[in-house]
Amino acid sequence: MNKLLYKPLGMLFGVLGGLAASAAFKKVWQVATGADEPPSATSRDYGWRQVLIAATVQGAIYGLVKAAIDRGGAAGYRKVTGEWPDD
C-alpha cells in the first residue's frame, strides 16, 4: 500500500526534477560559454568536443538534480507518513 501511495508523488517529483535539471543545465551552459543555447547532437555549428562536453555536463546535472529531488521526496514522504516509500 505504501508504494501505491508514493508512486504518483514519485512521478510528480520526476517531472519537477527534469524541469529543474533542464533549467539548471541551461543556466550553467550560459555562464560557462556565454551561449544562450547548448549545442544539440545534430548541430553542424559545433564540433564533436563541444557536443560531447555539453552532453556530459547535462547528464551530470540531470543525475544530480534527479537524485536530490527523489531523495528529498522520499524523505518528505517519510516525514509525513512515518514510513520510507520502499519499505
C-alpha atoms as a PDB file:
ATOM      1  CA  MET A   1       0.000   0.000   0.000  1.00  0.00           C
ATOM      2  CA  ASN A   2       2.864   2.321   0.852  1.00  0.00           C
ATOM      3  CA  LYS A   3       4.388   2.091  -2.647  1.00  0.00           C
ATOM      4  CA  LEU A   4       0.994   2.626  -4.244  1.00  0.00           C
ATOM      5  CA  LEU A   5       0.542   5.922  -2.405  1.00  0.00           C
ATOM      6  CA  TYR A   6       4.045   7.134  -3.181  1.00  0.00           C
ATOM      7  CA  LYS A   7       4.015   6.256  -6.902  1.00  0.00           C
ATOM      8  CA  PRO A   8       2.046   9.343  -8.103  1.00  0.00           C
ATOM      9  CA  LEU A   9       4.191  11.563  -5.900  1.00  0.00           C
ATOM     10  CA  GLY A  10       7.347   9.971  -7.278  1.00  0.00           C
ATOM     11  CA  MET A  11       6.161  10.650 -10.819  1.00  0.00           C
ATOM     12  CA  LEU A  12       5.448  14.271  -9.956  1.00  0.00           C
ATOM     13  CA  PHE A  13       8.879  14.608  -8.346  1.00  0.00           C
ATOM     14  CA  GLY A  14      10.415  13.131 -11.509  1.00  0.00           C
ATOM     15  CA  VAL A  15       8.741  15.693 -13.759  1.00  0.00           C
ATOM     16  CA  LEU A  16       9.696  18.558 -11.473  1.00  0.00           C
ATOM     17  CA  GLY A  17      13.240  17.225 -11.256  1.00  0.00           C
ATOM     18  CA  GLY A  18      13.501  17.084 -15.044  1.00  0.00           C
ATOM     19  CA  LEU A  19      12.313  20.672 -15.358  1.00  0.00           C
ATOM     20  CA  ALA A  20      14.707  21.841 -12.654  1.00  0.00           C
ATOM     21  CA  ALA A  21      17.620  19.953 -14.222  1.00  0.00           C
ATOM     22  CA  SER A  22      16.902  21.419 -17.634  1.00  0.00           C
ATOM     23  CA  ALA A  23      16.810  24.964 -16.249  1.00  0.00           C
ATOM     24  CA  ALA A  24      19.980  24.379 -14.201  1.00  0.00           C
ATOM     25  CA  PHE A  25      21.868  22.995 -17.208  1.00  0.00           C
ATOM     26  CA  LYS A  26      20.819  25.893 -19.416  1.00  0.00           C
ATOM     27  CA  LYS A  27      21.994  28.383 -16.797  1.00  0.00           C
ATOM     28  CA  VAL A  28      25.316  26.576 -16.260  1.00  0.00           C
ATOM     29  CA  TRP A  29      25.881  26.445 -20.020  1.00  0.00           C
ATOM     30  CA  GLN A  30      25.157  30.179 -20.369  1.00  0.00           C
ATOM     31  CA  VAL A  31      27.573  31.078 -17.577  1.00  0.00           C
ATOM     32  CA  ALA A  32      30.304  28.724 -18.813  1.00  0.00           C
ATOM     33  CA  THR A  33      30.143  29.560 -22.518  1.00  0.00           C
ATOM     34  CA  GLY A  34      28.177  32.768 -22.942  1.00  0.00           C
ATOM     35  CA  ALA A  35      25.930  30.987 -25.468  1.00  0.00           C
ATOM     36  CA  ASP A  36      22.188  31.112 -24.944  1.00  0.00           C
ATOM     37  CA  GLU A  37      21.560  27.548 -26.110  1.00  0.00           C
ATOM     38  CA  PRO A  38      23.699  24.433 -25.689  1.00  0.00           C
ATOM     39  CA  PRO A  39      24.621  22.538 -28.837  1.00  0.00           C
ATOM     40  CA  SER A  40      22.441  19.679 -29.936  1.00  0.00           C
ATOM     41  CA  ALA A  41      23.982  16.461 -31.186  1.00  0.00           C
ATOM     42  CA  THR A  42      22.980  17.285 -34.758  1.00  0.00           C
ATOM     43  CA  SER A  43      24.048  20.925 -34.783  1.00  0.00           C
ATOM     44  CA  ARG A  44      26.610  21.467 -37.503  1.00  0.00           C
ATOM     45  CA  ASP A  45      27.819  24.725 -35.912  1.00  0.00           C
ATOM     46  CA  TYR A  46      29.635  22.834 -33.140  1.00  0.00           C
ATOM     47  CA  GLY A  47      32.381  20.236 -33.163  1.00  0.00           C
ATOM     48  CA  TRP A  48      32.418  16.831 -31.535  1.00  0.00           C
ATOM     49  CA  ARG A  49      34.217  18.115 -28.474  1.00  0.00           C
ATOM     50  CA  GLN A  50      31.643  20.823 -27.697  1.00  0.00           C
ATOM     51  CA  VAL A  51      28.685  18.498 -28.283  1.00  0.00           C
ATOM     52  CA  LEU A  52      30.118  15.732 -26.104  1.00  0.00           C
ATOM     53  CA  ILE A  53      31.090  18.108 -23.306  1.00  0.00           C
ATOM     54  CA  ALA A  54      27.594  19.599 -23.344  1.00  0.00           C
ATOM     55  CA  ALA A  55      26.045  16.114 -23.202  1.00  0.00           C
ATOM     56  CA  THR A  56      28.332  15.085 -20.332  1.00  0.00           C
ATOM     57  CA  VAL A  57      27.563  18.194 -18.287  1.00  0.00           C
ATOM     58  CA  GLN A  58      23.855  17.854 -18.998  1.00  0.00           C
ATOM     59  CA  GLY A  59      23.862  14.212 -17.869  1.00  0.00           C
ATOM     60  CA  ALA A  60      25.757  15.001 -14.687  1.00  0.00           C
ATOM     61  CA  ILE A  61      23.421  17.847 -13.773  1.00  0.00           C
ATOM     62  CA  TYR A  62      20.346  15.779 -14.581  1.00  0.00           C
ATOM     63  CA  GLY A  63      21.583  12.866 -12.456  1.00  0.00           C
ATOM     64  CA  LEU A  64      22.424  15.129  -9.530  1.00  0.00           C
ATOM     65  CA  VAL A  65      19.124  17.021  -9.591  1.00  0.00           C
ATOM     66  CA  LYS A  66      17.063  13.855 -10.074  1.00  0.00           C
ATOM     67  CA  ALA A  67      18.760  12.117  -7.155  1.00  0.00           C
ATOM     68  CA  ALA A  68      18.322  15.177  -4.920  1.00  0.00           C
ATOM     69  CA  ILE A  69      14.632  15.567  -5.843  1.00  0.00           C
ATOM     70  CA  ASP A  70      13.906  11.832  -5.453  1.00  0.00           C
ATOM     71  CA  ARG A  71      15.722  11.655  -2.128  1.00  0.00           C
ATOM     72  CA  GLY A  72      14.042  14.807  -0.841  1.00  0.00           C
ATOM     73  CA  GLY A  73      10.638  13.495  -1.913  1.00  0.00           C
ATOM     74  CA  ALA A  74      11.214  10.192  -0.146  1.00  0.00           C
ATOM     75  CA  ALA A  75      12.402  11.966   2.996  1.00  0.00           C
ATOM     76  CA  GLY A  76       9.382  14.280   2.910  1.00  0.00           C
ATOM     77  CA  TYR A  77       7.052  11.319   2.444  1.00  0.00           C
ATOM     78  CA  ARG A  78       8.637   9.629   5.439  1.00  0.00           C
ATOM     79  CA  LYS A  79       8.251  12.768   7.500  1.00  0.00           C
ATOM     80  CA  VAL A  80       4.537  12.949   6.683  1.00  0.00           C
ATOM     81  CA  THR A  81       3.679   9.225   6.859  1.00  0.00           C
ATOM     82  CA  GLY A  82       6.375   7.858   9.148  1.00  0.00           C
ATOM     83  CA  GLU A  83       7.333   5.234   6.540  1.00  0.00           C
ATOM     84  CA  TRP A  84      10.016   5.127   3.871  1.00  0.00           C
ATOM     85  CA  PRO A  85       8.465   4.706   0.385  1.00  0.00           C
ATOM     86  CA  ASP A  86      10.373   1.485  -0.456  1.00  0.00           C
ATOM     87  CA  ASP A  87       9.604  -0.315   2.817  1.00  0.00           C
END
